[in-house]
């Protein structure tokens, strides 16, 4: 079976500076889908420079996701495909950026909020002309709230330390409000509550740079599969340590080295999909 759909889009973006220290953007987008119809979204941002080293910023926007071809045709049959409307979102964030030149330190903090509407789901209770698991829009509550922190510190000219942390609190009403399913965790699927990333970059001389990178991802909820009766599962947390090195030879050759997943961590980003173990790569490039 062959099906095609088209989306025609137009957008306009305006960047302006209403005050000496205030910067702003405003954008509008129009999408016309051959089945779903025409929808408009927009985004506005503001940034205010308190001084040369401090800035506060914020943004507000809307977004949407049109139903996929699978949701229209290849999942459980949708008798009236025009009854499906796009999933919509409203997002807001507010943050601050700060530099401390005397300590070669910079950091930023951002709080964010995203709300979703018209989730498209195929619950068993969604029936139409004898078909179950029919794709339909639901009024299930679905949102994400969180905090992002990042920093960069250069204690020496040849040394840089980066750190990032994200805390996310979310609720997946598409599952937790589903009368046909049990909810063992309210978080959105495959989204960790806590995530950390950090790296140390050292320039040993003008030709040799080494990087150590660490990543931690907390527990995440995931859908089950046929091997466990489609019962939801909790994927375990994991940590990764990666090592990278670059060496420039006589301004003509570049030798790159990477050792990923140094401790051979066993983990899954999605249930039953394994990820690479320890891997070593060595690459030599010549410049012409």
Foldseek 3Di string as FASTA:
>chain_A
DDDDKDKDKDKDKDWDAPDPFKTKMKMKMWIAIPQQGIDIKIKMKMKGDPDPFKIKIKMKIKDWDADDPCLDPVDFHDPRSNQQHIKMKIKMKIKMWGDDVVQQKIKMKMKMKMWIAFDWWQAQVDDDPHIGRRTGTDGFTKMKIWMKMKMWGDNDPFKIKIKIKIAMDIADRVAVVRPRAHDPDGHDALAARIKMKMKMWGDPDPFKIKMKIKIKGAKGKAFDDPVVVRHIDIWHIDMKIKIKMWGDDPVFKIKIKIWTRVVQDWGDSHPPDTDDGTDIDIDMDTDD
